């Protein structure tokens, strides 16, 4: 493997640039450190399956994508924290109280998103139910107060409307 040119017909690497001939051994030697930095062992690089480097490159690409997403998410949390405390930092603000920070982490997975939507729907239904109860109590109170005079003196119960 050492001493053989990558392509015997091409005597230089990067034709026309005057670079020295490149052998397979030199090419593999150049790449060994890179793959070891990716986590591949020296023995696997030189004696392992030939397609292992391809899988290590894919692994590294995936790890970098995950890391990028983690850093982006961290930036979102920092951004939200700064926005939440911004009113307290403004000397001209009439209400220099910080805003509340998120009570829960951001939903990331599709299951998290679905759970968050379900929680929001349940909260909306509960809020609507509570509004209806409050409205009915207020209406009944006003109705019975308004019609108390029209009910029979001692025969009716003004709070329940029963005779």
C-alpha atoms as a PDB file:
ATOM      1  CA  UNK A   1       0.000   0.000   0.000  1.00  0.00           C
ATOM      2  CA  UNK A   2       2.773   2.451   0.839  1.00  0.00           C
ATOM      3  CA  UNK A   3       4.702   3.839  -2.092  1.00  0.00           C
ATOM      4  CA  UNK A   4       1.946   3.350  -4.662  1.00  0.00           C
ATOM      5  CA  UNK A   5       0.389   6.353  -6.340  1.00  0.00           C
ATOM      6  CA  UNK A   6      -3.336   6.976  -6.009  1.00  0.00           C
ATOM      7  CA  UNK A   7      -3.635   6.987  -9.780  1.00  0.00           C
ATOM      8  CA  UNK A   8      -0.460   6.102 -11.698  1.00  0.00           C
ATOM      9  CA  UNK A   9      -1.517   8.268 -14.657  1.00  0.00           C
ATOM     10  CA  UNK A  10      -1.731  11.379 -12.422  1.00  0.00           C
ATOM     11  CA  UNK A  11       1.726  12.172 -11.147  1.00  0.00           C
ATOM     12  CA  UNK A  12       0.579  15.140  -9.070  1.00  0.00           C
ATOM     13  CA  UNK A  13      -2.229  15.908  -6.689  1.00  0.00           C
ATOM     14  CA  UNK A  14      -4.416  18.777  -7.862  1.00  0.00           C
ATOM     15  CA  UNK A  15      -3.104  18.830 -11.419  1.00  0.00           C
ATOM     16  CA  UNK A  16      -1.215  21.936 -12.456  1.00  0.00           C
ATOM     17  CA  UNK A  17      -0.490  23.160  -8.947  1.00  0.00           C
ATOM     18  CA  UNK A  18       2.903  21.526  -8.671  1.00  0.00           C
ATOM     19  CA  UNK A  19       2.063  19.412  -5.624  1.00  0.00           C
ATOM     20  CA  UNK A  20       4.009  16.233  -4.912  1.00  0.00           C
ATOM     21  CA  UNK A  21       2.687  12.783  -5.827  1.00  0.00           C
ATOM     22  CA  UNK A  22       0.360  11.297  -3.225  1.00  0.00           C
ATOM     23  CA  UNK A  23       0.478   7.629  -2.328  1.00  0.00           C
ATOM     24  CA  UNK A  24      -2.311   5.603  -0.729  1.00  0.00           C
ATOM     25  CA  UNK A  25      -0.174   5.306   2.399  1.00  0.00           C
ATOM     26  CA  UNK A  26       0.208   9.077   2.661  1.00  0.00           C
ATOM     27  CA  UNK A  27      -3.514   9.579   2.105  1.00  0.00           C
ATOM     28  CA  UNK A  28      -4.390   7.068   4.827  1.00  0.00           C
ATOM     29  CA  UNK A  29      -1.737   8.519   7.171  1.00  0.00           C
ATOM     30  CA  UNK A  30      -3.231  12.007   6.713  1.00  0.00           C
ATOM     31  CA  UNK A  31      -6.707  10.775   7.592  1.00  0.00           C
ATOM     32  CA  UNK A  32      -5.780   8.511  10.540  1.00  0.00           C
ATOM     33  CA  UNK A  33      -5.680  11.323  13.108  1.00  0.00           C
ATOM     34  CA  UNK A  34      -9.021  12.689  11.925  1.00  0.00           C
ATOM     35  CA  UNK A  35     -10.750   9.342  12.381  1.00  0.00           C
ATOM     36  CA  UNK A  36      -9.071   8.780  15.732  1.00  0.00           C
ATOM     37  CA  UNK A  37     -10.425  12.186  16.812  1.00  0.00           C
ATOM     38  CA  UNK A  38     -13.872  10.928  15.787  1.00  0.00           C
ATOM     39  CA  UNK A  39     -13.467   8.019  18.209  1.00  0.00           C
ATOM     40  CA  UNK A  40     -12.225   5.305  15.901  1.00  0.00           C
ATOM     41  CA  UNK A  41      -9.407   3.225  17.362  1.00  0.00           C
ATOM     42  CA  UNK A  42      -6.042   2.987  15.628  1.00  0.00           C
ATOM     43  CA  UNK A  43      -6.535  -0.755  15.186  1.00  0.00           C
ATOM     44  CA  UNK A  44     -10.025  -0.310  13.700  1.00  0.00           C
ATOM     45  CA  UNK A  45      -8.726   2.296  11.284  1.00  0.00           C
ATOM     46  CA  UNK A  46      -5.887   0.178   9.967  1.00  0.00           C
ATOM     47  CA  UNK A  47      -7.258  -3.375  10.430  1.00  0.00           C
ATOM     48  CA  UNK A  48     -11.047  -2.957  10.662  1.00  0.00           C
ATOM     49  CA  UNK A  49     -13.737  -3.172   8.032  1.00  0.00           C
ATOM     50  CA  UNK A  50     -13.160  -0.797   5.113  1.00  0.00           C
ATOM     51  CA  UNK A  51     -16.554   0.903   5.445  1.00  0.00           C
ATOM     52  CA  UNK A  52     -16.062   1.835   9.139  1.00  0.00           C
ATOM     53  CA  UNK A  53     -14.704   5.328   8.325  1.00  0.00           C
ATOM     54  CA  UNK A  54     -17.907   6.084   6.404  1.00  0.00           C
ATOM     55  CA  UNK A  55     -19.966   5.228   9.491  1.00  0.00           C
ATOM     56  CA  UNK A  56     -17.710   7.332  11.724  1.00  0.00           C
ATOM     57  CA  UNK A  57     -18.151  10.301   9.367  1.00  0.00           C
ATOM     58  CA  UNK A  58     -21.934   9.850   9.523  1.00  0.00           C
ATOM     59  CA  UNK A  59     -21.748   9.564  13.323  1.00  0.00           C
ATOM     60  CA  UNK A  60     -19.741  12.775  13.563  1.00  0.00           C
ATOM     61  CA  UNK A  61     -22.154  14.602  11.268  1.00  0.00           C
ATOM     62  CA  UNK A  62     -25.091  13.467  13.412  1.00  0.00           C
ATOM     63  CA  UNK A  63     -23.332  14.459  16.648  1.00  0.00           C
ATOM     64  CA  UNK A  64     -22.579  17.902  15.232  1.00  0.00           C
ATOM     65  CA  UNK A  65     -26.216  18.327  14.234  1.00  0.00           C
ATOM     66  CA  UNK A  66     -27.361  17.314  17.738  1.00  0.00           C
ATOM     67  CA  UNK A  67     -24.855  19.690  19.328  1.00  0.00           C
ATOM     68  CA  UNK A  68     -26.000  22.521  17.057  1.00  0.00           C
ATOM     69  CA  UNK A  69     -29.617  21.924  18.089  1.00  0.00           C
ATOM     70  CA  UNK A  70     -28.649  21.831  21.786  1.00  0.00           C
ATOM     71  CA  UNK A  71     -26.802  25.128  21.477  1.00  0.00           C
ATOM     72  CA  UNK A  72     -29.714  26.672  19.587  1.00  0.00           C
ATOM     73  CA  UNK A  73     -32.097  25.547  22.330  1.00  0.00           C
ATOM     74  CA  UNK A  74     -29.762  26.937  24.984  1.00  0.00           C
ATOM     75  CA  UNK A  75     -29.751  30.240  23.111  1.00  0.00           C
ATOM     76  CA  UNK A  76     -33.554  30.261  23.136  1.00  0.00           C
ATOM     77  CA  UNK A  77     -33.591  29.773  26.904  1.00  0.00           C
ATOM     78  CA  UNK A  78     -31.052  32.579  27.387  1.00  0.00           C
ATOM     79  CA  UNK A  79     -33.054  34.838  25.054  1.00  0.00           C
ATOM     80  CA  UNK A  80     -36.268  34.147  26.980  1.00  0.00           C
ATOM     81  CA  UNK A  81     -34.521  34.778  30.304  1.00  0.00           C
ATOM     82  CA  UNK A  82     -33.171  38.126  29.089  1.00  0.00           C
ATOM     83  CA  UNK A  83     -36.602  39.141  27.784  1.00  0.00           C
ATOM     84  CA  UNK A  84     -38.187  38.131  31.090  1.00  0.00           C
ATOM     85  CA  UNK A  85     -35.843  40.315  33.140  1.00  0.00           C
ATOM     86  CA  UNK A  86     -35.707  43.201  30.643  1.00  0.00           C
ATOM     87  CA  UNK A  87     -38.484  45.247  32.280  1.00  0.00           C
ATOM     88  CA  UNK A  88     -36.547  45.215  35.573  1.00  0.00           C
ATOM     89  CA  UNK A  89     -33.453  46.540  33.790  1.00  0.00           C
ATOM     90  CA  UNK A  90     -35.267  49.451  32.142  1.00  0.00           C
ATOM     91  CA  UNK A  91     -34.861  52.559  34.314  1.00  0.00           C
ATOM     92  CA  UNK A  92     -37.716  54.314  32.467  1.00  0.00           C
ATOM     93  CA  UNK A  93     -40.196  51.513  33.054  1.00  0.00           C
ATOM     94  CA  UNK A  94     -43.295  52.298  35.096  1.00  0.00           C
ATOM     95  CA  UNK A  95     -43.547  48.675  36.179  1.00  0.00           C
ATOM     96  CA  UNK A  96     -39.980  47.461  36.712  1.00  0.00           C
ATOM     97  CA  UNK A  97     -41.081  43.938  37.563  1.00  0.00           C
ATOM     98  CA  UNK A  98     -39.525  41.016  35.694  1.00  0.00           C
ATOM     99  CA  UNK A  99     -41.874  38.851  33.668  1.00  0.00           C
ATOM    100  CA  UNK A 100     -42.324  35.225  34.735  1.00  0.00           C
ATOM    101  CA  UNK A 101     -39.973  32.670  33.196  1.00  0.00           C
ATOM    102  CA  UNK A 102     -41.342  29.526  31.528  1.00  0.00           C
ATOM    103  CA  UNK A 103     -42.744  26.982  33.944  1.00  0.00           C
ATOM    104  CA  UNK A 104     -41.835  24.034  31.709  1.00  0.00           C
ATOM    105  CA  UNK A 105     -39.113  23.235  29.191  1.00  0.00           C
ATOM    106  CA  UNK A 106     -39.829  23.739  25.506  1.00  0.00           C
ATOM    107  CA  UNK A 107     -41.453  20.726  23.863  1.00  0.00           C
ATOM    108  CA  UNK A 108     -38.966  19.092  21.512  1.00  0.00           C
ATOM    109  CA  UNK A 109     -40.280  15.709  20.411  1.00  0.00           C
ATOM    110  CA  UNK A 110     -43.562  15.201  18.596  1.00  0.00           C
ATOM    111  CA  UNK A 111     -44.902  13.441  21.730  1.00  0.00           C
ATOM    112  CA  UNK A 112     -43.939  16.484  23.831  1.00  0.00           C
ATOM    113  CA  UNK A 113     -45.708  18.761  21.343  1.00  0.00           C
ATOM    114  CA  UNK A 114     -48.812  16.592  21.383  1.00  0.00           C
ATOM    115  CA  UNK A 115     -48.830  16.491  25.200  1.00  0.00           C
ATOM    116  CA  UNK A 116     -48.455  20.283  25.338  1.00  0.00           C
ATOM    117  CA  UNK A 117     -51.355  20.760  22.909  1.00  0.00           C
ATOM    118  CA  UNK A 118     -53.495  18.361  24.941  1.00  0.00           C
ATOM    119  CA  UNK A 119     -52.676  20.269  28.142  1.00  0.00           C
ATOM    120  CA  UNK A 120     -53.568  23.569  26.450  1.00  0.00           C
ATOM    121  CA  UNK A 121     -56.884  22.143  25.208  1.00  0.00           C
ATOM    122  CA  UNK A 122     -57.726  20.789  28.667  1.00  0.00           C
ATOM    123  CA  UNK A 123     -56.841  24.140  30.261  1.00  0.00           C
ATOM    124  CA  UNK A 124     -59.006  25.955  27.702  1.00  0.00           C
ATOM    125  CA  UNK A 125     -61.923  23.582  28.394  1.00  0.00           C
ATOM    126  CA  UNK A 126     -61.490  23.992  32.156  1.00  0.00           C
ATOM    127  CA  UNK A 127     -61.303  27.782  31.799  1.00  0.00           C
ATOM    128  CA  UNK A 128     -64.494  27.723  29.706  1.00  0.00           C
ATOM    129  CA  UNK A 129     -66.218  25.478  32.230  1.00  0.00           C
ATOM    130  CA  UNK A 130     -65.210  27.761  35.103  1.00  0.00           C
ATOM    131  CA  UNK A 131     -66.382  30.831  33.167  1.00  0.00           C
ATOM    132  CA  UNK A 132     -69.750  29.175  32.579  1.00  0.00           C
ATOM    133  CA  UNK A 133     -70.119  28.276  36.272  1.00  0.00           C
ATOM    134  CA  UNK A 134     -69.228  31.843  37.302  1.00  0.00           C
ATOM    135  CA  UNK A 135     -71.624  33.276  34.719  1.00  0.00           C
ATOM    136  CA  UNK A 136     -74.478  31.012  35.865  1.00  0.00           C
ATOM    137  CA  UNK A 137     -73.910  31.891  39.534  1.00  0.00           C
ATOM    138  CA  UNK A 138     -73.832  35.614  38.751  1.00  0.00           C
ATOM    139  CA  UNK A 139     -76.910  35.374  36.540  1.00  0.00           C
ATOM    140  CA  UNK A 140     -78.854  33.370  39.129  1.00  0.00           C
ATOM    141  CA  UNK A 141     -77.882  35.769  41.907  1.00  0.00           C
ATOM    142  CA  UNK A 142     -79.029  38.789  39.845  1.00  0.00           C
ATOM    143  CA  UNK A 143     -82.153  36.983  38.675  1.00  0.00           C
ATOM    144  CA  UNK A 144     -83.263  36.021  42.182  1.00  0.00           C
ATOM    145  CA  UNK A 145     -82.384  39.430  43.607  1.00  0.00           C
ATOM    146  CA  UNK A 146     -84.389  41.128  40.840  1.00  0.00           C
ATOM    147  CA  UNK A 147     -87.390  38.857  41.147  1.00  0.00           C
ATOM    148  CA  UNK A 148     -87.399  38.544  44.939  1.00  0.00           C
ATOM    149  CA  UNK A 149     -90.183  41.072  45.196  1.00  0.00           C
ATOM    150  CA  UNK A 150     -92.422  39.181  42.747  1.00  0.00           C
ATOM    151  CA  UNK A 151     -92.173  35.887  44.600  1.00  0.00           C
ATOM    152  CA  UNK A 152     -94.817  35.026  47.159  1.00  0.00           C
ATOM    153  CA  UNK A 153     -93.904  36.499  50.521  1.00  0.00           C
ATOM    154  CA  UNK A 154     -93.326  33.562  52.884  1.00  0.00           C
ATOM    155  CA  UNK A 155     -94.145  30.686  50.513  1.00  0.00           C
ATOM    156  CA  UNK A 156     -91.074  30.906  48.226  1.00  0.00           C
ATOM    157  CA  UNK A 157     -87.362  30.588  48.783  1.00  0.00           C
ATOM    158  CA  UNK A 158     -85.672  33.473  46.978  1.00  0.00           C
ATOM    159  CA  UNK A 159     -82.229  31.809  46.893  1.00  0.00           C
ATOM    160  CA  UNK A 160     -83.402  28.674  45.095  1.00  0.00           C
ATOM    161  CA  UNK A 161     -86.489  29.928  43.299  1.00  0.00           C
ATOM    162  CA  UNK A 162     -88.550  27.043  44.715  1.00  0.00           C
ATOM    163  CA  UNK A 163     -92.102  27.494  45.940  1.00  0.00           C
END
